Amino acid sequence: MTTLIIGANGQIGQTLVKLLCERGERPRAMVRSAAPALEALGAEVVVANLEEDFEHAIKGCDKIVFSAGSGASTGADKTILVDMWSAMRAVDLAQKHNIKQFVMVSSRGAEDPNNGPAAIKHYSVCKKIADDHLLRSHVPYTIVRPGRLTNEPATGLLSTEMPNDKDAQIITREDVAGALAYCLDHKSTLGRIYPLVNGHDTFAAAFS
């Protein structure tokens, strides 16, 4: 079973690579340039550019995690090209190659950008369009919609209910990676959309 991690050089992606390697898997890490640190962890590294042809990275894989993002320092044009368009292309390729599970890292507010954070509305719209494209496809999916990301250490505790208090809509990047690893390992998460914030439940309880 080979899992392709699109966006493997991101903070969430790197942590997910580490977690999968630690449990004896050899994930395929898709990056834009050589990544010896990921290879040292035990990953198979494949060089590909989301804004070009990246089908070769998907061939031979069973599952895909899309955790790529344009980043806060780029403009709306890159958000459209990476967070929306490239994610949609990845879904199309997943359908073509009969991927068994596509795990999409989306965002809070993607369910209804009009009621999400105003400052990132364009980002939420792009995420919603990509999510909806996955939902319309015939690809087995899991969608996670994390709250505001932090760089604190993993807590190992989650909630899959987004609180009304915006200050509580936070989750560590390491816990998002842990949640992705859990979803890849549990068929019960197929066909589900999960808001993700740090909470008081174990992963098993949060995803039950």
N, C-alpha and C. Protein backbone atom coordinates (compact mmCIF):
# COMPACT_ATOMS: atom_id res chain seq x y z
N MET A 1 0.85 -1.19 0.00
CA MET A 1 0.00 0.00 0.00
C MET A 1 0.88 1.24 0.00
N THR A 2 0.79 2.04 -1.04
CA THR A 2 1.63 3.23 -1.17
C THR A 2 0.76 4.48 -1.09
N THR A 3 1.13 5.38 -0.20
CA THR A 3 0.42 6.64 -0.04
C THR A 3 1.28 7.77 -0.60
N LEU A 4 0.70 8.55 -1.50
CA LEU A 4 1.37 9.73 -2.03
C LEU A 4 0.98 10.93 -1.19
N ILE A 5 1.98 11.65 -0.72
CA ILE A 5 1.72 12.87 0.04
C ILE A 5 2.09 14.05 -0.84
N ILE A 6 1.08 14.76 -1.30
CA ILE A 6 1.28 15.95 -2.12
C ILE A 6 1.41 17.14 -1.17
N GLY A 7 2.56 17.80 -1.23
CA GLY A 7 2.85 18.85 -0.27
C GLY A 7 3.70 18.31 0.87
N ALA A 8 4.55 17.33 0.56
CA ALA A 8 5.31 16.64 1.60
C ALA A 8 6.37 17.51 2.26
N ASN A 9 6.75 18.62 1.63
CA ASN A 9 7.75 19.50 2.22
C ASN A 9 7.15 20.53 3.16
N GLY A 10 5.81 20.58 3.22
CA GLY A 10 5.16 21.48 4.17
C GLY A 10 5.28 20.93 5.58
N GLN A 11 4.94 21.74 6.56
CA GLN A 11 5.10 21.31 7.95
C GLN A 11 4.21 20.11 8.28
N ILE A 12 2.97 20.15 7.80
CA ILE A 12 2.08 19.00 8.04
C ILE A 12 2.58 17.80 7.26
N GLY A 13 2.96 18.02 6.02
CA GLY A 13 3.43 16.93 5.17
C GLY A 13 4.64 16.23 5.73
N GLN A 14 5.61 17.01 6.21
CA GLN A 14 6.83 16.43 6.78
C GLN A 14 6.51 15.58 8.00
N THR A 15 5.62 16.07 8.85
CA THR A 15 5.26 15.31 10.04
C THR A 15 4.53 14.03 9.66
N LEU A 16 3.66 14.11 8.66
CA LEU A 16 2.94 12.92 8.22
C LEU A 16 3.90 11.89 7.65
N VAL A 17 4.86 12.32 6.85
CA VAL A 17 5.88 11.40 6.33
C VAL A 17 6.55 10.67 7.49
N LYS A 18 6.95 11.41 8.49
CA LYS A 18 7.63 10.82 9.65
C LYS A 18 6.74 9.80 10.34
N LEU A 19 5.47 10.15 10.55
CA LEU A 19 4.56 9.24 11.25
C LEU A 19 4.35 7.95 10.47
N LEU A 20 4.19 8.06 9.15
CA LEU A 20 3.96 6.86 8.34
C LEU A 20 5.20 5.98 8.31
N CYS A 21 6.36 6.62 8.20
CA CYS A 21 7.61 5.84 8.19
C CYS A 21 7.82 5.14 9.53
N GLU A 22 7.46 5.81 10.62
CA GLU A 22 7.64 5.23 11.95
C GLU A 22 6.76 3.99 12.15
N ARG A 23 5.65 3.94 11.44
CA ARG A 23 4.80 2.75 11.58
C ARG A 23 5.07 1.72 10.48
N GLY A 24 6.20 1.85 9.81
CA GLY A 24 6.66 0.82 8.89
C GLY A 24 6.25 0.98 7.45
N GLU A 25 5.65 2.09 7.10
CA GLU A 25 5.25 2.33 5.72
C GLU A 25 6.37 3.08 4.98
N ARG A 26 6.27 3.08 3.66
CA ARG A 26 7.21 3.87 2.85
C ARG A 26 6.38 4.79 1.95
N PRO A 27 5.95 5.93 2.49
CA PRO A 27 5.14 6.84 1.69
C PRO A 27 5.94 7.44 0.55
N ARG A 28 5.23 7.88 -0.47
CA ARG A 28 5.86 8.60 -1.57
C ARG A 28 5.67 10.09 -1.34
N ALA A 29 6.75 10.81 -1.24
CA ALA A 29 6.71 12.23 -0.92
C ALA A 29 6.90 13.05 -2.19
N MET A 30 5.87 13.78 -2.59
CA MET A 30 5.97 14.61 -3.79
C MET A 30 6.47 15.99 -3.40
N VAL A 31 7.60 16.38 -4.00
CA VAL A 31 8.23 17.66 -3.69
C VAL A 31 8.69 18.32 -5.00
N ARG A 32 8.99 19.60 -4.92
CA ARG A 32 9.41 20.34 -6.12
C ARG A 32 10.90 20.21 -6.41
N SER A 33 11.66 19.79 -5.41
CA SER A 33 13.11 19.60 -5.60
C SER A 33 13.58 18.53 -4.63
N ALA A 34 14.82 18.11 -4.78
CA ALA A 34 15.36 17.03 -3.96
C ALA A 34 15.12 17.28 -2.47
N ALA A 35 14.81 16.21 -1.74
CA ALA A 35 14.51 16.34 -0.31
C ALA A 35 15.21 15.23 0.45
N PRO A 36 16.52 15.37 0.66
CA PRO A 36 17.27 14.32 1.35
C PRO A 36 16.78 14.03 2.76
N ALA A 37 16.22 15.05 3.44
CA ALA A 37 15.71 14.83 4.80
C ALA A 37 14.53 13.86 4.79
N LEU A 38 13.69 13.95 3.78
CA LEU A 38 12.55 13.02 3.68
C LEU A 38 13.03 11.63 3.31
N GLU A 39 14.02 11.56 2.44
CA GLU A 39 14.59 10.26 2.10
C GLU A 39 15.22 9.61 3.33
N ALA A 40 15.85 10.41 4.17
CA ALA A 40 16.48 9.89 5.38
C ALA A 40 15.45 9.30 6.33
N LEU A 41 14.25 9.84 6.29
CA LEU A 41 13.18 9.30 7.14
C LEU A 41 12.70 7.94 6.64
N GLY A 42 12.93 7.68 5.34
CA GLY A 42 12.50 6.41 4.76
C GLY A 42 11.47 6.56 3.65
N ALA A 43 11.18 7.79 3.25
CA ALA A 43 10.19 8.02 2.20
C ALA A 43 10.80 7.83 0.82
N GLU A 44 9.95 7.51 -0.14
CA GLU A 44 10.32 7.53 -1.55
C GLU A 44 10.02 8.94 -2.05
N VAL A 45 11.02 9.64 -2.50
CA VAL A 45 10.84 11.02 -2.93
C VAL A 45 10.66 11.07 -4.44
N VAL A 46 9.62 11.79 -4.89
CA VAL A 46 9.40 11.99 -6.31
C VAL A 46 9.30 13.50 -6.56
N VAL A 47 10.04 13.97 -7.54
CA VAL A 47 10.05 15.40 -7.86
C VAL A 47 8.97 15.69 -8.90
N ALA A 48 8.10 16.64 -8.57
CA ALA A 48 7.01 17.02 -9.48
C ALA A 48 6.52 18.40 -9.09
N ASN A 49 5.95 19.09 -10.07
CA ASN A 49 5.46 20.45 -9.87
C ASN A 49 3.96 20.46 -10.06
N LEU A 50 3.24 20.90 -9.04
CA LEU A 50 1.78 20.93 -9.11
C LEU A 50 1.24 21.78 -10.25
N GLU A 51 2.02 22.77 -10.67
CA GLU A 51 1.56 23.66 -11.72
C GLU A 51 1.93 23.14 -13.11
N GLU A 52 2.53 21.95 -13.15
CA GLU A 52 2.87 21.30 -14.41
C GLU A 52 2.25 19.90 -14.43
N ASP A 53 2.81 19.00 -15.20
CA ASP A 53 2.30 17.63 -15.26
C ASP A 53 2.89 16.83 -14.10
N PHE A 54 2.03 16.33 -13.21
CA PHE A 54 2.53 15.55 -12.08
C PHE A 54 1.92 14.14 -12.02
N GLU A 55 1.39 13.68 -13.16
CA GLU A 55 0.75 12.36 -13.17
C GLU A 55 1.72 11.25 -12.80
N HIS A 56 3.00 11.40 -13.18
CA HIS A 56 3.97 10.34 -12.89
C HIS A 56 4.10 10.09 -11.39
N ALA A 57 3.82 11.10 -10.58
CA ALA A 57 3.93 10.93 -9.13
C ALA A 57 2.83 10.05 -8.57
N ILE A 58 1.71 9.99 -9.27
CA ILE A 58 0.54 9.25 -8.78
C ILE A 58 0.56 7.79 -9.21
N LYS A 59 1.20 7.49 -10.33
CA LYS A 59 1.19 6.13 -10.85
C LYS A 59 1.74 5.14 -9.82
N GLY A 60 1.00 4.07 -9.59
CA GLY A 60 1.42 3.03 -8.66
C GLY A 60 1.04 3.28 -7.22
N CYS A 61 0.35 4.38 -6.95
CA CYS A 61 -0.07 4.68 -5.58
C CYS A 61 -1.48 4.15 -5.31
N ASP A 62 -1.77 3.94 -4.05
CA ASP A 62 -3.09 3.46 -3.64
C ASP A 62 -3.91 4.56 -2.97
N LYS A 63 -3.23 5.47 -2.28
CA LYS A 63 -3.90 6.55 -1.57
C LYS A 63 -3.16 7.86 -1.81
N ILE A 64 -3.89 8.95 -1.64
CA ILE A 64 -3.31 10.28 -1.81
C ILE A 64 -3.73 11.16 -0.64
N VAL A 65 -2.78 11.91 -0.12
CA VAL A 65 -3.08 13.00 0.81
C VAL A 65 -2.69 14.30 0.12
N PHE A 66 -3.65 15.20 -0.01
CA PHE A 66 -3.36 16.51 -0.61
C PHE A 66 -3.23 17.52 0.52
N SER A 67 -1.99 17.84 0.87
CA SER A 67 -1.75 18.82 1.94
C SER A 67 -0.97 20.02 1.43
N ALA A 68 -0.93 20.17 0.11
CA ALA A 68 -0.21 21.31 -0.47
C ALA A 68 -1.00 22.59 -0.28
N GLY A 69 -0.27 23.69 -0.21
CA GLY A 69 -0.92 24.99 -0.10
C GLY A 69 -0.01 26.07 -0.65
N SER A 70 -0.61 27.14 -1.10
CA SER A 70 0.17 28.23 -1.70
C SER A 70 0.92 29.03 -0.65
N GLY A 71 0.45 29.01 0.58
CA GLY A 71 1.12 29.75 1.64
C GLY A 71 0.57 31.15 1.81
N ALA A 72 0.67 31.65 3.02
CA ALA A 72 0.08 32.95 3.34
C ALA A 72 0.80 34.11 2.67
N SER A 73 2.04 33.91 2.25
CA SER A 73 2.82 35.01 1.69
C SER A 73 2.59 35.23 0.20
N THR A 74 1.82 34.34 -0.43
CA THR A 74 1.56 34.48 -1.86
C THR A 74 0.25 35.21 -2.10
N GLY A 75 0.00 35.55 -3.35
CA GLY A 75 -1.22 36.25 -3.69
C GLY A 75 -2.35 35.32 -4.03
N ALA A 76 -3.51 35.93 -4.34
CA ALA A 76 -4.70 35.13 -4.66
C ALA A 76 -4.49 34.28 -5.90
N ASP A 77 -3.61 34.73 -6.82
CA ASP A 77 -3.38 33.96 -8.03
C ASP A 77 -2.81 32.58 -7.71
N LYS A 78 -1.85 32.52 -6.78
CA LYS A 78 -1.27 31.24 -6.40
C LYS A 78 -2.27 30.39 -5.61
N THR A 79 -3.11 31.04 -4.83
CA THR A 79 -4.15 30.30 -4.11
C THR A 79 -5.06 29.59 -5.10
N ILE A 80 -5.44 30.28 -6.16
CA ILE A 80 -6.29 29.67 -7.19
C ILE A 80 -5.58 28.52 -7.87
N LEU A 81 -4.30 28.73 -8.22
CA LEU A 81 -3.57 27.71 -8.98
C LEU A 81 -3.23 26.48 -8.15
N VAL A 82 -2.91 26.66 -6.88
CA VAL A 82 -2.47 25.54 -6.05
C VAL A 82 -3.62 24.96 -5.24
N ASP A 83 -4.25 25.77 -4.41
CA ASP A 83 -5.26 25.26 -3.48
C ASP A 83 -6.55 24.83 -4.18
N MET A 84 -6.85 25.39 -5.32
CA MET A 84 -8.05 25.00 -6.04
C MET A 84 -7.73 24.15 -7.27
N TRP A 85 -7.06 24.77 -8.24
CA TRP A 85 -6.88 24.11 -9.54
C TRP A 85 -6.04 22.85 -9.43
N SER A 86 -4.92 22.92 -8.74
CA SER A 86 -4.07 21.74 -8.62
C SER A 86 -4.76 20.64 -7.81
N ALA A 87 -5.50 21.03 -6.80
CA ALA A 87 -6.24 20.03 -6.02
C ALA A 87 -7.28 19.34 -6.91
N MET A 88 -7.96 20.09 -7.75
CA MET A 88 -8.95 19.50 -8.66
C MET A 88 -8.28 18.57 -9.67
N ARG A 89 -7.12 18.96 -10.17
CA ARG A 89 -6.39 18.09 -11.10
C ARG A 89 -5.95 16.81 -10.41
N ALA A 90 -5.55 16.92 -9.15
CA ALA A 90 -5.16 15.73 -8.40
C ALA A 90 -6.35 14.78 -8.23
N VAL A 91 -7.52 15.33 -8.00
CA VAL A 91 -8.73 14.50 -7.89
C VAL A 91 -9.00 13.78 -9.21
N ASP A 92 -8.88 14.50 -10.31
CA ASP A 92 -9.11 13.88 -11.63
C ASP A 92 -8.13 12.74 -11.88
N LEU A 93 -6.88 12.95 -11.51
CA LEU A 93 -5.87 11.89 -11.70
C LEU A 93 -6.13 10.73 -10.74
N ALA A 94 -6.62 11.03 -9.55
CA ALA A 94 -6.97 9.97 -8.60
C ALA A 94 -8.08 9.09 -9.17
N GLN A 95 -9.04 9.72 -9.81
CA GLN A 95 -10.12 8.95 -10.43
C GLN A 95 -9.58 8.10 -11.57
N LYS A 96 -8.71 8.67 -12.37
CA LYS A 96 -8.12 7.96 -13.50
C LYS A 96 -7.34 6.74 -13.04
N HIS A 97 -6.66 6.84 -11.92
CA HIS A 97 -5.78 5.77 -11.45
C HIS A 97 -6.40 4.93 -10.34
N ASN A 98 -7.71 5.06 -10.15
CA ASN A 98 -8.45 4.21 -9.20
C ASN A 98 -7.87 4.25 -7.79
N ILE A 99 -7.61 5.47 -7.33
CA ILE A 99 -7.10 5.64 -5.97
C ILE A 99 -8.15 5.21 -4.96
N LYS A 100 -7.71 4.50 -3.92
CA LYS A 100 -8.63 3.92 -2.95
C LYS A 100 -9.09 4.92 -1.89
N GLN A 101 -8.32 5.96 -1.65
CA GLN A 101 -8.70 6.99 -0.69
C GLN A 101 -7.96 8.28 -1.01
N PHE A 102 -8.70 9.35 -1.06
CA PHE A 102 -8.13 10.68 -1.28
C PHE A 102 -8.44 11.50 -0.03
N VAL A 103 -7.40 11.84 0.70
CA VAL A 103 -7.58 12.64 1.92
C VAL A 103 -7.24 14.09 1.60
N MET A 104 -8.23 14.94 1.66
CA MET A 104 -8.07 16.36 1.32
C MET A 104 -7.92 17.18 2.59
N VAL A 105 -6.83 17.93 2.67
CA VAL A 105 -6.67 18.89 3.77
C VAL A 105 -7.29 20.19 3.32
N SER A 106 -8.46 20.47 3.83
CA SER A 106 -9.21 21.66 3.47
C SER A 106 -9.02 22.71 4.56
N SER A 107 -10.06 23.43 4.92
CA SER A 107 -9.92 24.50 5.90
C SER A 107 -11.26 24.83 6.53
N ARG A 108 -11.20 25.33 7.75
CA ARG A 108 -12.43 25.87 8.34
C ARG A 108 -12.96 26.96 7.42
N GLY A 109 -14.26 27.06 7.33
CA GLY A 109 -14.87 28.07 6.47
C GLY A 109 -15.16 27.57 5.07
N ALA A 110 -14.59 26.41 4.69
CA ALA A 110 -14.81 25.91 3.34
C ALA A 110 -16.24 25.41 3.14
N GLU A 111 -16.92 25.07 4.24
CA GLU A 111 -18.31 24.62 4.11
C GLU A 111 -19.23 25.76 3.69
N ASP A 112 -18.87 27.00 4.08
CA ASP A 112 -19.66 28.18 3.72
C ASP A 112 -18.77 29.41 3.83
N PRO A 113 -18.07 29.75 2.74
CA PRO A 113 -17.14 30.88 2.79
C PRO A 113 -17.77 32.19 3.21
N ASN A 114 -19.07 32.36 3.00
CA ASN A 114 -19.73 33.61 3.40
C ASN A 114 -19.73 33.78 4.92
N ASN A 115 -19.68 32.67 5.64
CA ASN A 115 -19.70 32.74 7.10
C ASN A 115 -18.36 32.40 7.73
N GLY A 116 -17.33 32.24 6.89
CA GLY A 116 -16.00 31.93 7.40
C GLY A 116 -15.21 33.19 7.68
N PRO A 117 -13.94 33.05 8.01
CA PRO A 117 -13.10 34.22 8.28
C PRO A 117 -13.01 35.13 7.06
N ALA A 118 -13.39 36.39 7.22
CA ALA A 118 -13.44 37.32 6.09
C ALA A 118 -12.08 37.55 5.47
N ALA A 119 -11.04 37.53 6.29
CA ALA A 119 -9.70 37.84 5.79
C ALA A 119 -9.19 36.79 4.81
N ILE A 120 -9.73 35.59 4.88
CA ILE A 120 -9.26 34.51 3.99
C ILE A 120 -10.41 33.97 3.14
N LYS A 121 -11.37 34.83 2.84
CA LYS A 121 -12.55 34.36 2.11
C LYS A 121 -12.17 33.77 0.75
N HIS A 122 -11.23 34.41 0.04
CA HIS A 122 -10.83 33.89 -1.27
C HIS A 122 -10.23 32.49 -1.14
N TYR A 123 -9.49 32.27 -0.05
CA TYR A 123 -8.90 30.97 0.22
C TYR A 123 -10.00 29.96 0.53
N SER A 124 -10.98 30.34 1.34
CA SER A 124 -12.08 29.44 1.67
C SER A 124 -12.88 29.07 0.43
N VAL A 125 -13.07 30.03 -0.47
CA VAL A 125 -13.79 29.75 -1.72
C VAL A 125 -13.04 28.71 -2.54
N CYS A 126 -11.73 28.89 -2.67
CA CYS A 126 -10.91 27.92 -3.42
C CYS A 126 -10.99 26.53 -2.80
N LYS A 127 -10.93 26.47 -1.47
CA LYS A 127 -11.01 25.19 -0.78
C LYS A 127 -12.38 24.54 -1.00
N LYS A 128 -13.43 25.34 -0.95
CA LYS A 128 -14.78 24.79 -1.17
C LYS A 128 -14.93 24.23 -2.57
N ILE A 129 -14.43 24.94 -3.56
CA ILE A 129 -14.53 24.46 -4.94
C ILE A 129 -13.79 23.15 -5.10
N ALA A 130 -12.59 23.07 -4.52
CA ALA A 130 -11.82 21.82 -4.59
C ALA A 130 -12.53 20.69 -3.85
N ASP A 131 -13.06 20.99 -2.66
CA ASP A 131 -13.80 19.97 -1.90
C ASP A 131 -15.01 19.48 -2.68
N ASP A 132 -15.76 20.41 -3.25
CA ASP A 132 -16.97 20.03 -4.00
C ASP A 132 -16.61 19.18 -5.21
N HIS A 133 -15.49 19.47 -5.84
CA HIS A 133 -15.04 18.67 -6.98
C HIS A 133 -14.74 17.24 -6.53
N LEU A 134 -14.12 17.10 -5.37
CA LEU A 134 -13.86 15.76 -4.84
C LEU A 134 -15.16 15.05 -4.50
N LEU A 135 -16.10 15.77 -3.91
CA LEU A 135 -17.38 15.16 -3.54
C LEU A 135 -18.17 14.69 -4.76
N ARG A 136 -18.02 15.40 -5.87
CA ARG A 136 -18.73 15.01 -7.10
C ARG A 136 -18.05 13.87 -7.84
N SER A 137 -16.81 13.62 -7.52
CA SER A 137 -16.07 12.57 -8.21
C SER A 137 -16.49 11.21 -7.66
N HIS A 138 -15.95 10.16 -8.27
CA HIS A 138 -16.20 8.81 -7.77
C HIS A 138 -15.04 8.31 -6.94
N VAL A 139 -14.24 9.23 -6.45
CA VAL A 139 -13.06 8.85 -5.67
C VAL A 139 -13.44 8.72 -4.19
N PRO A 140 -13.10 7.61 -3.56
CA PRO A 140 -13.35 7.49 -2.12
C PRO A 140 -12.59 8.59 -1.37
N TYR A 141 -13.29 9.33 -0.53
CA TYR A 141 -12.68 10.53 0.04
C TYR A 141 -12.78 10.58 1.56
N THR A 142 -11.89 11.36 2.12
CA THR A 142 -12.00 11.88 3.48
C THR A 142 -11.54 13.33 3.40
N ILE A 143 -12.34 14.23 3.97
CA ILE A 143 -11.99 15.65 3.96
C ILE A 143 -11.83 16.11 5.41
N VAL A 144 -10.71 16.75 5.70
CA VAL A 144 -10.53 17.34 7.03
C VAL A 144 -10.44 18.85 6.87
N ARG A 145 -11.09 19.55 7.79
CA ARG A 145 -11.13 21.02 7.74
C ARG A 145 -10.59 21.59 9.04
N PRO A 146 -9.26 21.71 9.12
CA PRO A 146 -8.65 22.20 10.36
C PRO A 146 -8.98 23.66 10.63
N GLY A 147 -8.96 23.99 11.91
CA GLY A 147 -9.05 25.38 12.32
C GLY A 147 -7.71 26.07 12.08
N ARG A 148 -7.53 27.21 12.71
CA ARG A 148 -6.27 27.95 12.55
C ARG A 148 -5.11 27.11 13.06
N LEU A 149 -4.07 27.03 12.23
CA LEU A 149 -2.95 26.14 12.53
C LEU A 149 -1.93 26.82 13.43
N THR A 150 -1.40 26.03 14.38
CA THR A 150 -0.35 26.53 15.26
C THR A 150 0.85 25.59 15.20
N ASN A 151 1.97 26.07 15.69
CA ASN A 151 3.20 25.27 15.69
C ASN A 151 3.52 24.69 17.07
N GLU A 152 2.52 24.63 17.93
CA GLU A 152 2.72 24.01 19.24
C GLU A 152 2.93 22.50 19.08
N PRO A 153 3.53 21.85 20.07
CA PRO A 153 3.68 20.39 20.01
C PRO A 153 2.33 19.69 19.96
N ALA A 154 2.32 18.49 19.43
CA ALA A 154 1.09 17.70 19.35
C ALA A 154 0.50 17.47 20.73
N THR A 155 -0.82 17.52 20.81
CA THR A 155 -1.51 17.23 22.06
C THR A 155 -2.06 15.80 22.08
N GLY A 156 -2.31 15.25 20.87
CA GLY A 156 -2.93 13.93 20.79
C GLY A 156 -4.40 13.93 21.11
N LEU A 157 -4.99 15.13 21.23
CA LEU A 157 -6.41 15.25 21.59
C LEU A 157 -7.12 16.14 20.58
N LEU A 158 -8.30 15.71 20.17
CA LEU A 158 -9.02 16.39 19.09
C LEU A 158 -10.48 16.61 19.43
N SER A 159 -11.11 17.46 18.63
CA SER A 159 -12.57 17.52 18.54
C SER A 159 -12.91 17.64 17.06
N THR A 160 -13.95 16.99 16.64
CA THR A 160 -14.41 17.11 15.25
C THR A 160 -15.67 17.97 15.17
N GLU A 161 -15.82 18.86 16.15
CA GLU A 161 -16.88 19.85 16.14
C GLU A 161 -16.23 21.23 16.23
N MET A 162 -16.53 22.08 15.25
CA MET A 162 -15.93 23.41 15.23
C MET A 162 -16.65 24.32 16.24
N PRO A 163 -15.96 24.82 17.24
CA PRO A 163 -16.62 25.67 18.23
C PRO A 163 -17.00 27.03 17.65
N ASN A 164 -17.99 27.66 18.25
CA ASN A 164 -18.39 29.00 17.81
C ASN A 164 -17.36 30.05 18.18
N ASP A 165 -16.67 29.82 19.28
CA ASP A 165 -15.64 30.75 19.73
C ASP A 165 -14.45 30.68 18.79
N LYS A 166 -14.22 31.74 18.03
CA LYS A 166 -13.14 31.73 17.03
C LYS A 166 -11.77 31.54 17.67
N ASP A 167 -11.61 31.99 18.90
CA ASP A 167 -10.32 31.82 19.58
C ASP A 167 -10.04 30.36 19.88
N ALA A 168 -11.08 29.54 19.90
CA ALA A 168 -10.91 28.11 20.18
C ALA A 168 -10.80 27.29 18.90
N GLN A 169 -10.88 27.95 17.76
CA GLN A 169 -10.82 27.23 16.48
C GLN A 169 -9.37 27.06 16.05
N ILE A 170 -8.59 26.34 16.87
CA ILE A 170 -7.16 26.17 16.60
C ILE A 170 -6.78 24.70 16.71
N ILE A 171 -5.70 24.35 16.03
CA ILE A 171 -5.17 23.00 16.11
C ILE A 171 -3.69 23.03 15.72
N THR A 172 -2.90 22.20 16.36
CA THR A 172 -1.48 22.15 16.01
C THR A 172 -1.30 21.43 14.68
N ARG A 173 -0.30 21.84 13.94
CA ARG A 173 0.01 21.16 12.68
C ARG A 173 0.35 19.69 12.93
N GLU A 174 1.03 19.42 14.04
CA GLU A 174 1.38 18.04 14.34
C GLU A 174 0.13 17.19 14.59
N ASP A 175 -0.88 17.76 15.23
CA ASP A 175 -2.12 17.01 15.45
C ASP A 175 -2.89 16.81 14.15
N VAL A 176 -2.80 17.77 13.23
CA VAL A 176 -3.42 17.55 11.91
C VAL A 176 -2.76 16.37 11.22
N ALA A 177 -1.43 16.32 11.26
CA ALA A 177 -0.71 15.20 10.66
C ALA A 177 -1.12 13.88 11.31
N GLY A 178 -1.25 13.88 12.62
CA GLY A 178 -1.69 12.68 13.32
C GLY A 178 -3.08 12.27 12.89
N ALA A 179 -3.96 13.24 12.69
CA ALA A 179 -5.32 12.94 12.24
C ALA A 179 -5.30 12.35 10.83
N LEU A 180 -4.44 12.86 9.96
CA LEU A 180 -4.33 12.32 8.61
C LEU A 180 -3.86 10.87 8.65
N ALA A 181 -2.86 10.60 9.48
CA ALA A 181 -2.36 9.23 9.61
C ALA A 181 -3.47 8.30 10.11
N TYR A 182 -4.29 8.80 11.04
CA TYR A 182 -5.40 8.00 11.56
C TYR A 182 -6.41 7.70 10.45
N CYS A 183 -6.75 8.72 9.68
CA CYS A 183 -7.74 8.54 8.60
C CYS A 183 -7.25 7.53 7.56
N LEU A 184 -5.98 7.57 7.25
CA LEU A 184 -5.43 6.63 6.27
C LEU A 184 -5.51 5.19 6.77
N ASP A 185 -5.55 5.02 8.06
CA ASP A 185 -5.51 3.69 8.66
C ASP A 185 -6.88 3.15 9.06
N HIS A 186 -7.93 3.96 8.84
CA HIS A 186 -9.27 3.54 9.28
C HIS A 186 -10.30 3.78 8.18
N LYS A 187 -10.83 2.70 7.65
CA LYS A 187 -11.82 2.79 6.57
C LYS A 187 -13.09 3.50 7.02
N SER A 188 -13.33 3.53 8.32
CA SER A 188 -14.54 4.17 8.83
C SER A 188 -14.56 5.67 8.53
N THR A 189 -13.41 6.25 8.17
CA THR A 189 -13.37 7.68 7.87
C THR A 189 -13.70 7.98 6.41
N LEU A 190 -13.86 6.95 5.60
CA LEU A 190 -14.20 7.16 4.20
C LEU A 190 -15.59 7.79 4.08
N GLY A 191 -15.71 8.71 3.12
CA GLY A 191 -16.99 9.35 2.87
C GLY A 191 -17.40 10.34 3.95
N ARG A 192 -16.44 10.83 4.72
CA ARG A 192 -16.76 11.73 5.82
C ARG A 192 -16.01 13.05 5.67
N ILE A 193 -16.59 14.11 6.24
CA ILE A 193 -15.97 15.43 6.32
C ILE A 193 -15.84 15.76 7.80
N TYR A 194 -14.63 16.10 8.22
CA TYR A 194 -14.38 16.35 9.63
C TYR A 194 -13.81 17.75 9.87
N PRO A 195 -14.51 18.61 10.60
CA PRO A 195 -13.83 19.78 11.16
C PRO A 195 -12.79 19.27 12.15
N LEU A 196 -11.69 19.98 12.30
CA LEU A 196 -10.64 19.55 13.23
C LEU A 196 -10.15 20.71 14.08
N VAL A 197 -10.26 20.55 15.39
CA VAL A 197 -9.64 21.48 16.34
C VAL A 197 -9.09 20.65 17.49
N ASN A 198 -8.19 21.24 18.24
CA ASN A 198 -7.76 20.56 19.45
C ASN A 198 -8.90 20.53 20.46
N GLY A 199 -9.02 19.41 21.13
CA GLY A 199 -10.12 19.25 22.08
C GLY A 199 -9.71 18.36 23.23
N HIS A 200 -10.64 17.47 23.63
CA HIS A 200 -10.41 16.64 24.80
C HIS A 200 -10.53 15.15 24.50
N ASP A 201 -10.75 14.78 23.24
CA ASP A 201 -10.97 13.38 22.87
C ASP A 201 -9.71 12.78 22.24
N THR A 202 -9.53 11.50 22.47
CA THR A 202 -8.49 10.78 21.73
C THR A 202 -8.89 10.75 20.26
N PHE A 203 -7.94 10.39 19.40
CA PHE A 203 -8.25 10.31 17.99
C PHE A 203 -9.39 9.32 17.75
N ALA A 204 -9.31 8.16 18.39
CA ALA A 204 -10.33 7.13 18.19
C ALA A 204 -11.71 7.64 18.60
N ALA A 205 -11.78 8.35 19.72
CA ALA A 205 -13.06 8.87 20.17
C ALA A 205 -13.55 10.00 19.27
N ALA A 206 -12.63 10.87 18.85
CA ALA A 206 -13.02 12.01 18.02
C ALA A 206 -13.56 11.57 16.68
N PHE A 207 -12.98 10.52 16.11
CA PHE A 207 -13.39 10.06 14.78
C PHE A 207 -14.48 8.99 14.82
N SER A 208 -14.93 8.61 16.01
CA SER A 208 -15.96 7.57 16.10
C SER A 208 -17.33 8.11 15.72
